Amino acid sequence: MSIGLVNYCVPDGEAHLKALEIARNINEKGPIALRMAKKAIDEGLEVHKTSSLALEEECYEQTLNTNDRLEALAAFAEKRKPRYTGD
């Protein structure tokens, strides 16, 4: 774990429970931001570093003018959980 290759260690037979916990945590995030992060990761692995940085910027820009971004900012300011709609 000290070199960052492992994020979690769980007892035998409990890996599925940890996976569900992680999935639930991810599911609470904004769907547009998640979609763009996945795109940047998936497509960024296939191109040169310069191209992958441009792809990351393009994906980020697609999140800027969304209602979900505004909701995230409002929720942060109001110290509450965001309610994402995917818009």
PDB file of N, CA and C in Angstrom:
ATOM      1  N   MET A   1       0.818  -1.189   0.000  1.00  0.00           N
ATOM      2  CA  MET A   1       0.000   0.000   0.000  1.00  0.00           C
ATOM      3  C   MET A   1       0.865   1.257   0.000  1.00  0.00           C
ATOM      4  N   SER A   2       2.067   1.172   0.504  1.00  0.00           N
ATOM      5  CA  SER A   2       2.886   2.376   0.645  1.00  0.00           C
ATOM      6  C   SER A   2       3.311   2.978  -0.686  1.00  0.00           C
ATOM      7  N   ILE A   3       3.277   2.200  -1.771  1.00  0.00           N
ATOM      8  CA  ILE A   3       3.641   2.772  -3.070  1.00  0.00           C
ATOM      9  C   ILE A   3       2.419   3.053  -3.939  1.00  0.00           C
ATOM     10  N   GLY A   4       1.250   2.899  -3.404  1.00  0.00           N
ATOM     11  CA  GLY A   4       0.042   3.304  -4.110  1.00  0.00           C
ATOM     12  C   GLY A   4      -0.556   2.297  -5.071  1.00  0.00           C
ATOM     13  N   LEU A   5      -0.143   1.051  -4.994  1.00  0.00           N
ATOM     14  CA  LEU A   5      -0.708   0.044  -5.891  1.00  0.00           C
ATOM     15  C   LEU A   5      -1.996  -0.561  -5.362  1.00  0.00           C
ATOM     16  N   VAL A   6      -2.216  -0.453  -4.064  1.00  0.00           N
ATOM     17  CA  VAL A   6      -3.393  -1.040  -3.436  1.00  0.00           C
ATOM     18  C   VAL A   6      -4.125   0.047  -2.665  1.00  0.00           C
ATOM     19  N   ASN A   7      -5.413   0.159  -2.880  1.00  0.00           N
ATOM     20  CA  ASN A   7      -6.201   1.148  -2.146  1.00  0.00           C
ATOM     21  C   ASN A   7      -6.871   0.553  -0.920  1.00  0.00           C
ATOM     22  N   TYR A   8      -7.256  -0.716  -0.987  1.00  0.00           N
ATOM     23  CA  TYR A   8      -7.993  -1.341   0.108  1.00  0.00           C
ATOM     24  C   TYR A   8      -7.561  -2.783   0.281  1.00  0.00           C
ATOM     25  N   CYS A   9      -7.559  -3.229   1.519  1.00  0.00           N
ATOM     26  CA  CYS A   9      -7.402  -4.644   1.858  1.00  0.00           C
ATOM     27  C   CYS A   9      -8.622  -5.019   2.682  1.00  0.00           C
ATOM     28  N   VAL A  10      -9.264  -6.104   2.311  1.00  0.00           N
ATOM     29  CA  VAL A  10     -10.459  -6.538   3.037  1.00  0.00           C
ATOM     30  C   VAL A  10     -10.327  -8.014   3.374  1.00  0.00           C
ATOM     31  N   PRO A  11     -11.012  -8.455   4.410  1.00  0.00           N
ATOM     32  CA  PRO A  11     -10.980  -9.876   4.762  1.00  0.00           C
ATOM     33  C   PRO A  11     -11.567 -10.739   3.641  1.00  0.00           C
ATOM     34  N   ASP A  12     -11.169 -11.996   3.632  1.00  0.00           N
ATOM     35  CA  ASP A  12     -11.707 -12.942   2.649  1.00  0.00           C
ATOM     36  C   ASP A  12     -13.226 -12.904   2.647  1.00  0.00           C
ATOM     37  N   GLY A  13     -13.797 -12.917   1.464  1.00  0.00           N
ATOM     38  CA  GLY A  13     -15.243 -12.964   1.315  1.00  0.00           C
ATOM     39  C   GLY A  13     -15.933 -11.615   1.436  1.00  0.00           C
ATOM     40  N   GLU A  14     -15.179 -10.540   1.650  1.00  0.00           N
ATOM     41  CA  GLU A  14     -15.803  -9.230   1.815  1.00  0.00           C
ATOM     42  C   GLU A  14     -15.484  -8.253   0.684  1.00  0.00           C
ATOM     43  N   ALA A  15     -14.806  -8.731  -0.341  1.00  0.00           N
ATOM     44  CA  ALA A  15     -14.439  -7.843  -1.452  1.00  0.00           C
ATOM     45  C   ALA A  15     -15.671  -7.264  -2.129  1.00  0.00           C
ATOM     46  N   HIS A  16     -16.712  -8.081  -2.287  1.00  0.00           N
ATOM     47  CA  HIS A  16     -17.926  -7.584  -2.950  1.00  0.00           C
ATOM     48  C   HIS A  16     -18.591  -6.474  -2.139  1.00  0.00           C
ATOM     49  N   LEU A  17     -18.528  -6.562  -0.814  1.00  0.00           N
ATOM     50  CA  LEU A  17     -19.107  -5.512   0.032  1.00  0.00           C
ATOM     51  C   LEU A  17     -18.342  -4.202  -0.127  1.00  0.00           C
ATOM     52  N   LYS A  18     -17.014  -4.295  -0.190  1.00  0.00           N
ATOM     53  CA  LYS A  18     -16.203  -3.091  -0.382  1.00  0.00           C
ATOM     54  C   LYS A  18     -16.453  -2.518  -1.768  1.00  0.00           C
ATOM     55  N   ALA A  19     -16.572  -3.386  -2.765  1.00  0.00           N
ATOM     56  CA  ALA A  19     -16.851  -2.919  -4.127  1.00  0.00           C
ATOM     57  C   ALA A  19     -18.186  -2.188  -4.190  1.00  0.00           C
ATOM     58  N   LEU A  20     -19.194  -2.708  -3.510  1.00  0.00           N
ATOM     59  CA  LEU A  20     -20.500  -2.037  -3.466  1.00  0.00           C
ATOM     60  C   LEU A  20     -20.408  -0.686  -2.761  1.00  0.00           C
ATOM     61  N   GLU A  21     -19.636  -0.623  -1.691  1.00  0.00           N
ATOM     62  CA  GLU A  21     -19.447   0.647  -0.973  1.00  0.00           C
ATOM     63  C   GLU A  21     -18.798   1.689  -1.889  1.00  0.00           C
ATOM     64  N   ILE A  22     -17.773   1.270  -2.620  1.00  0.00           N
ATOM     65  CA  ILE A  22     -17.095   2.183  -3.548  1.00  0.00           C
ATOM     66  C   ILE A  22     -18.047   2.605  -4.658  1.00  0.00           C
ATOM     67  N   ALA A  23     -18.804   1.656  -5.195  1.00  0.00           N
ATOM     68  CA  ALA A  23     -19.758   1.971  -6.268  1.00  0.00           C
ATOM     69  C   ALA A  23     -20.827   2.947  -5.788  1.00  0.00           C
ATOM     70  N   ARG A  24     -21.315   2.768  -4.576  1.00  0.00           N
ATOM     71  CA  ARG A  24     -22.318   3.704  -4.027  1.00  0.00           C
ATOM     72  C   ARG A  24     -21.733   5.102  -3.877  1.00  0.00           C
ATOM     73  N   ASN A  25     -20.501   5.168  -3.448  1.00  0.00           N
ATOM     74  CA  ASN A  25     -19.827   6.458  -3.303  1.00  0.00           C
ATOM     75  C   ASN A  25     -19.681   7.144  -4.665  1.00  0.00           C
ATOM     76  N   ILE A  26     -19.266   6.398  -5.661  1.00  0.00           N
ATOM     77  CA  ILE A  26     -19.121   6.951  -7.010  1.00  0.00           C
ATOM     78  C   ILE A  26     -20.475   7.383  -7.548  1.00  0.00           C
ATOM     79  N   ASN A  27     -21.508   6.604  -7.270  1.00  0.00           N
ATOM     80  CA  ASN A  27     -22.851   6.881  -7.774  1.00  0.00           C
ATOM     81  C   ASN A  27     -23.413   8.201  -7.251  1.00  0.00           C
ATOM     82  N   GLU A  28     -22.902   8.693  -6.129  1.00  0.00           N
ATOM     83  CA  GLU A  28     -23.359   9.962  -5.566  1.00  0.00           C
ATOM     84  C   GLU A  28     -22.771  11.167  -6.294  1.00  0.00           C
ATOM     85  N   LYS A  29     -21.783  10.952  -7.131  1.00  0.00           N
ATOM     86  CA  LYS A  29     -21.114  12.047  -7.827  1.00  0.00           C
ATOM     87  C   LYS A  29     -21.938  12.478  -9.036  1.00  0.00           C
ATOM     88  N   GLY A  30     -21.597  13.629  -9.576  1.00  0.00           N
ATOM     89  CA  GLY A  30     -22.315  14.162 -10.727  1.00  0.00           C
ATOM     90  C   GLY A  30     -22.133  13.298 -11.963  1.00  0.00           C
ATOM     91  N   PRO A  31     -23.232  12.909 -12.612  1.00  0.00           N
ATOM     92  CA  PRO A  31     -23.136  12.010 -13.758  1.00  0.00           C
ATOM     93  C   PRO A  31     -22.364  12.600 -14.940  1.00  0.00           C
ATOM     94  N   ILE A  32     -22.484  13.890 -15.163  1.00  0.00           N
ATOM     95  CA  ILE A  32     -21.760  14.508 -16.283  1.00  0.00           C
ATOM     96  C   ILE A  32     -20.262  14.490 -15.995  1.00  0.00           C
ATOM     97  N   ALA A  33     -19.887  14.880 -14.791  1.00  0.00           N
ATOM     98  CA  ALA A  33     -18.473  14.883 -14.416  1.00  0.00           C
ATOM     99  C   ALA A  33     -17.897  13.470 -14.466  1.00  0.00           C
ATOM    100  N   LEU A  34     -18.657  12.493 -14.006  1.00  0.00           N
ATOM    101  CA  LEU A  34     -18.192  11.102 -14.066  1.00  0.00           C
ATOM    102  C   LEU A  34     -18.002  10.640 -15.503  1.00  0.00           C
ATOM    103  N   ARG A  35     -18.958  10.974 -16.352  1.00  0.00           N
ATOM    104  CA  ARG A  35     -18.872  10.587 -17.762  1.00  0.00           C
ATOM    105  C   ARG A  35     -17.630  11.203 -18.410  1.00  0.00           C
ATOM    106  N   MET A  36     -17.373  12.466 -18.118  1.00  0.00           N
ATOM    107  CA  MET A  36     -16.215  13.145 -18.707  1.00  0.00           C
ATOM    108  C   MET A  36     -14.906  12.611 -18.129  1.00  0.00           C
ATOM    109  N   ALA A  37     -14.879  12.298 -16.842  1.00  0.00           N
ATOM    110  CA  ALA A  37     -13.677  11.719 -16.239  1.00  0.00           C
ATOM    111  C   ALA A  37     -13.377  10.360 -16.857  1.00  0.00           C
ATOM    112  N   LYS A  38     -14.411   9.550 -17.040  1.00  0.00           N
ATOM    113  CA  LYS A  38     -14.233   8.230 -17.658  1.00  0.00           C
ATOM    114  C   LYS A  38     -13.721   8.367 -19.084  1.00  0.00           C
ATOM    115  N   LYS A  39     -14.282   9.317 -19.825  1.00  0.00           N
ATOM    116  CA  LYS A  39     -13.837   9.550 -21.204  1.00  0.00           C
ATOM    117  C   LYS A  39     -12.372   9.970 -21.226  1.00  0.00           C
ATOM    118  N   ALA A  40     -11.996  10.897 -20.351  1.00  0.00           N
ATOM    119  CA  ALA A  40     -10.612  11.368 -20.311  1.00  0.00           C
ATOM    120  C   ALA A  40      -9.651  10.232 -19.966  1.00  0.00           C
ATOM    121  N   ILE A  41     -10.049   9.385 -19.027  1.00  0.00           N
ATOM    122  CA  ILE A  41      -9.194   8.259 -18.645  1.00  0.00           C
ATOM    123  C   ILE A  41      -9.111   7.242 -19.770  1.00  0.00           C
ATOM    124  N   ASP A  42     -10.257   6.815 -20.286  1.00  0.00           N
ATOM    125  CA  ASP A  42     -10.281   5.780 -21.323  1.00  0.00           C
ATOM    126  C   ASP A  42      -9.548   6.217 -22.586  1.00  0.00           C
ATOM    127  N   GLU A  43      -9.877   7.400 -23.078  1.00  0.00           N
ATOM    128  CA  GLU A  43      -9.272   7.866 -24.326  1.00  0.00           C
ATOM    129  C   GLU A  43      -7.858   8.399 -24.104  1.00  0.00           C
ATOM    130  N   GLY A  44      -7.586   8.928 -22.920  1.00  0.00           N
ATOM    131  CA  GLY A  44      -6.265   9.476 -22.633  1.00  0.00           C
ATOM    132  C   GLY A  44      -5.177   8.428 -22.570  1.00  0.00           C
ATOM    133  N   LEU A  45      -5.547   7.203 -22.270  1.00  0.00           N
ATOM    134  CA  LEU A  45      -4.565   6.120 -22.216  1.00  0.00           C
ATOM    135  C   LEU A  45      -4.035   5.754 -23.595  1.00  0.00           C
ATOM    136  N   GLU A  46      -4.784   6.119 -24.627  1.00  0.00           N
ATOM    137  CA  GLU A  46      -4.444   5.704 -25.981  1.00  0.00           C
ATOM    138  C   GLU A  46      -3.654   6.747 -26.766  1.00  0.00           C
ATOM    139  N   VAL A  47      -3.388   7.912 -26.180  1.00  0.00           N
ATOM    140  CA  VAL A  47      -2.733   8.990 -26.927  1.00  0.00           C
ATOM    141  C   VAL A  47      -1.510   9.516 -26.174  1.00  0.00           C
ATOM    142  N   HIS A  48      -0.733  10.348 -26.860  1.00  0.00           N
ATOM    143  CA  HIS A  48       0.448  10.981 -26.281  1.00  0.00           C
ATOM    144  C   HIS A  48       0.038  11.933 -25.156  1.00  0.00           C
ATOM    145  N   LYS A  49       0.962  12.214 -24.258  1.00  0.00           N
ATOM    146  CA  LYS A  49       0.672  13.051 -23.089  1.00  0.00           C
ATOM    147  C   LYS A  49       0.082  14.408 -23.478  1.00  0.00           C
ATOM    148  N   THR A  50       0.631  15.046 -24.499  1.00  0.00           N
ATOM    149  CA  THR A  50       0.120  16.353 -24.927  1.00  0.00           C
ATOM    150  C   THR A  50      -1.324  16.242 -25.379  1.00  0.00           C
ATOM    151  N   SER A  51      -1.625  15.213 -26.150  1.00  0.00           N
ATOM    152  CA  SER A  51      -2.996  15.000 -26.619  1.00  0.00           C
ATOM    153  C   SER A  51      -3.923  14.660 -25.462  1.00  0.00           C
ATOM    154  N   SER A  52      -3.422  13.904 -24.502  1.00  0.00           N
ATOM    155  CA  SER A  52      -4.277  13.530 -23.370  1.00  0.00           C
ATOM    156  C   SER A  52      -4.599  14.747 -22.504  1.00  0.00           C
ATOM    157  N   LEU A  53      -3.664  15.687 -22.390  1.00  0.00           N
ATOM    158  CA  LEU A  53      -3.939  16.916 -21.638  1.00  0.00           C
ATOM    159  C   LEU A  53      -4.991  17.761 -22.347  1.00  0.00           C
ATOM    160  N   ALA A  54      -4.922  17.807 -23.675  1.00  0.00           N
ATOM    161  CA  ALA A  54      -5.931  18.534 -24.450  1.00  0.00           C
ATOM    162  C   ALA A  54      -7.295  17.866 -24.294  1.00  0.00           C
ATOM    163  N   LEU A  55      -7.325  16.539 -24.294  1.00  0.00           N
ATOM    164  CA  LEU A  55      -8.571  15.801 -24.100  1.00  0.00           C
ATOM    165  C   LEU A  55      -9.145  16.078 -22.711  1.00  0.00           C
ATOM    166  N   GLU A  56      -8.285  16.093 -21.707  1.00  0.00           N
ATOM    167  CA  GLU A  56      -8.737  16.385 -20.345  1.00  0.00           C
ATOM    168  C   GLU A  56      -9.351  17.785 -20.270  1.00  0.00           C
ATOM    169  N   GLU A  57      -8.713  18.743 -20.911  1.00  0.00           N
ATOM    170  CA  GLU A  57      -9.248  20.110 -20.920  1.00  0.00           C
ATOM    171  C   GLU A  57     -10.602  20.164 -21.629  1.00  0.00           C
ATOM    172  N   GLU A  58     -10.704  19.457 -22.752  1.00  0.00           N
ATOM    173  CA  GLU A  58     -11.968  19.408 -23.500  1.00  0.00           C
ATOM    174  C   GLU A  58     -13.088  18.810 -22.637  1.00  0.00           C
ATOM    175  N   CYS A  59     -12.779  17.746 -21.938  1.00  0.00           N
ATOM    176  CA  CYS A  59     -13.781  17.104 -21.074  1.00  0.00           C
ATOM    177  C   CYS A  59     -14.186  18.030 -19.934  1.00  0.00           C
ATOM    178  N   TYR A  60     -13.214  18.702 -19.349  1.00  0.00           N
ATOM    179  CA  TYR A  60     -13.514  19.638 -18.259  1.00  0.00           C
ATOM    180  C   TYR A  60     -14.425  20.757 -18.754  1.00  0.00           C
ATOM    181  N   GLU A  61     -14.120  21.292 -19.924  1.00  0.00           N
ATOM    182  CA  GLU A  61     -14.927  22.385 -20.475  1.00  0.00           C
ATOM    183  C   GLU A  61     -16.380  21.968 -20.675  1.00  0.00           C
ATOM    184  N   GLN A  62     -16.607  20.697 -20.956  1.00  0.00           N
ATOM    185  CA  GLN A  62     -17.975  20.219 -21.159  1.00  0.00           C
ATOM    186  C   GLN A  62     -18.774  20.186 -19.861  1.00  0.00           C
ATOM    187  N   THR A  63     -18.097  20.287 -18.737  1.00  0.00           N
ATOM    188  CA  THR A  63     -18.811  20.301 -17.455  1.00  0.00           C
ATOM    189  C   THR A  63     -19.125  21.719 -16.975  1.00  0.00           C
ATOM    190  N   LEU A  64     -18.494  22.716 -17.566  1.00  0.00           N
ATOM    191  CA  LEU A  64     -18.586  24.084 -17.042  1.00  0.00           C
ATOM    192  C   LEU A  64     -19.973  24.706 -17.129  1.00  0.00           C
ATOM    193  N   ASN A  65     -20.652  24.529 -18.222  1.00  0.00           N
ATOM    194  CA  ASN A  65     -21.955  25.176 -18.419  1.00  0.00           C
ATOM    195  C   ASN A  65     -23.112  24.219 -18.178  1.00  0.00           C
ATOM    196  N   THR A  66     -23.042  23.499 -17.071  1.00  0.00           N
ATOM    197  CA  THR A  66     -24.100  22.538 -16.758  1.00  0.00           C
ATOM    198  C   THR A  66     -24.790  22.924 -15.455  1.00  0.00           C
ATOM    199  N   ASN A  67     -26.031  22.517 -15.343  1.00  0.00           N
ATOM    200  CA  ASN A  67     -26.764  22.739 -14.096  1.00  0.00           C
ATOM    201  C   ASN A  67     -26.144  21.951 -12.944  1.00  0.00           C
ATOM    202  N   ASP A  68     -25.571  20.790 -13.259  1.00  0.00           N
ATOM    203  CA  ASP A  68     -24.923  19.992 -12.216  1.00  0.00           C
ATOM    204  C   ASP A  68     -23.744  20.738 -11.598  1.00  0.00           C
ATOM    205  N   ARG A  69     -22.987  21.460 -12.407  1.00  0.00           N
ATOM    206  CA  ARG A  69     -21.870  22.243 -11.871  1.00  0.00           C
ATOM    207  C   ARG A  69     -22.390  23.330 -10.938  1.00  0.00           C
ATOM    208  N   LEU A  70     -23.443  24.020 -11.366  1.00  0.00           N
ATOM    209  CA  LEU A  70     -24.029  25.061 -10.517  1.00  0.00           C
ATOM    210  C   LEU A  70     -24.557  24.470  -9.214  1.00  0.00           C
ATOM    211  N   GLU A  71     -25.159  23.292  -9.312  1.00  0.00           N
ATOM    212  CA  GLU A  71     -25.662  22.605  -8.113  1.00  0.00           C
ATOM    213  C   GLU A  71     -24.506  22.234  -7.187  1.00  0.00           C
ATOM    214  N   ALA A  72     -23.407  21.765  -7.751  1.00  0.00           N
ATOM    215  CA  ALA A  72     -22.243  21.409  -6.934  1.00  0.00           C
ATOM    216  C   ALA A  72     -21.706  22.626  -6.189  1.00  0.00           C
ATOM    217  N   LEU A  73     -21.607  23.748  -6.880  1.00  0.00           N
ATOM    218  CA  LEU A  73     -21.114  24.971  -6.246  1.00  0.00           C
ATOM    219  C   LEU A  73     -22.062  25.451  -5.151  1.00  0.00           C
ATOM    220  N   ALA A  74     -23.367  25.404  -5.438  1.00  0.00           N
ATOM    221  CA  ALA A  74     -24.362  25.829  -4.447  1.00  0.00           C
ATOM    222  C   ALA A  74     -24.333  24.913  -3.228  1.00  0.00           C
ATOM    223  N   ALA A  75     -24.268  23.617  -3.464  1.00  0.00           N
ATOM    224  CA  ALA A  75     -24.244  22.657  -2.358  1.00  0.00           C
ATOM    225  C   ALA A  75     -23.003  22.860  -1.493  1.00  0.00           C
ATOM    226  N   PHE A  76     -21.884  23.117  -2.128  1.00  0.00           N
ATOM    227  CA  PHE A  76     -20.656  23.362  -1.372  1.00  0.00           C
ATOM    228  C   PHE A  76     -20.809  24.611  -0.504  1.00  0.00           C
ATOM    229  N   ALA A  77     -21.315  25.677  -1.100  1.00  0.00           N
ATOM    230  CA  ALA A  77     -21.486  26.938  -0.369  1.00  0.00           C
ATOM    231  C   ALA A  77     -22.472  26.788   0.787  1.00  0.00           C
ATOM    232  N   GLU A  78     -23.496  25.954   0.572  1.00  0.00           N
ATOM    233  CA  GLU A  78     -24.537  25.762   1.587  1.00  0.00           C
ATOM    234  C   GLU A  78     -24.230  24.604   2.534  1.00  0.00           C
ATOM    235  N   LYS A  79     -23.073  23.964   2.332  1.00  0.00           N
ATOM    236  CA  LYS A  79     -22.637  22.838   3.171  1.00  0.00           C
ATOM    237  C   LYS A  79     -23.679  21.717   3.222  1.00  0.00           C
ATOM    238  N   ARG A  80     -24.120  21.309   2.036  1.00  0.00           N
ATOM    239  CA  ARG A  80     -25.090  20.218   1.936  1.00  0.00           C
ATOM    240  C   ARG A  80     -24.662  19.289   0.805  1.00  0.00           C
ATOM    241  N   LYS A  81     -25.290  18.121   0.752  1.00  0.00           N
ATOM    242  CA  LYS A  81     -25.016  17.189  -0.343  1.00  0.00           C
ATOM    243  C   LYS A  81     -25.674  17.705  -1.616  1.00  0.00           C
ATOM    244  N   PRO A  82     -24.986  17.622  -2.741  1.00  0.00           N
ATOM    245  CA  PRO A  82     -25.599  18.062  -3.998  1.00  0.00           C
ATOM    246  C   PRO A  82     -26.670  17.089  -4.474  1.00  0.00           C
ATOM    247  N   ARG A  83     -27.616  17.629  -5.220  1.00  0.00           N
ATOM    248  CA  ARG A  83     -28.672  16.820  -5.838  1.00  0.00           C
ATOM    249  C   ARG A  83     -28.521  16.952  -7.352  1.00  0.00           C
ATOM    250  N   TYR A  84     -27.771  16.032  -7.931  1.00  0.00           N
ATOM    251  CA  TYR A  84     -27.475  16.089  -9.360  1.00  0.00           C
ATOM    252  C   TYR A  84     -28.649  15.584 -10.186  1.00  0.00           C
ATOM    253  N   THR A  85     -28.829  16.203 -11.352  1.00  0.00           N
ATOM    254  CA  THR A  85     -29.906  15.804 -12.257  1.00  0.00           C
ATOM    255  C   THR A  85     -29.382  15.292 -13.595  1.00  0.00           C
ATOM    256  N   GLY A  86     -28.102  15.497 -13.863  1.00  0.00           N
ATOM    257  CA  GLY A  86     -27.546  15.086 -15.148  1.00  0.00           C
ATOM    258  C   GLY A  86     -27.728  16.129 -16.227  1.00  0.00           C
ATOM    259  N   ASP A  87     -28.078  17.338 -15.822  1.00  0.00           N
ATOM    260  CA  ASP A  87     -28.261  18.438 -16.784  1.00  0.00           C
ATOM    261  C   ASP A  87     -27.091  19.398 -16.719  1.00  0.00           C
TER     262      ASP A  87
END
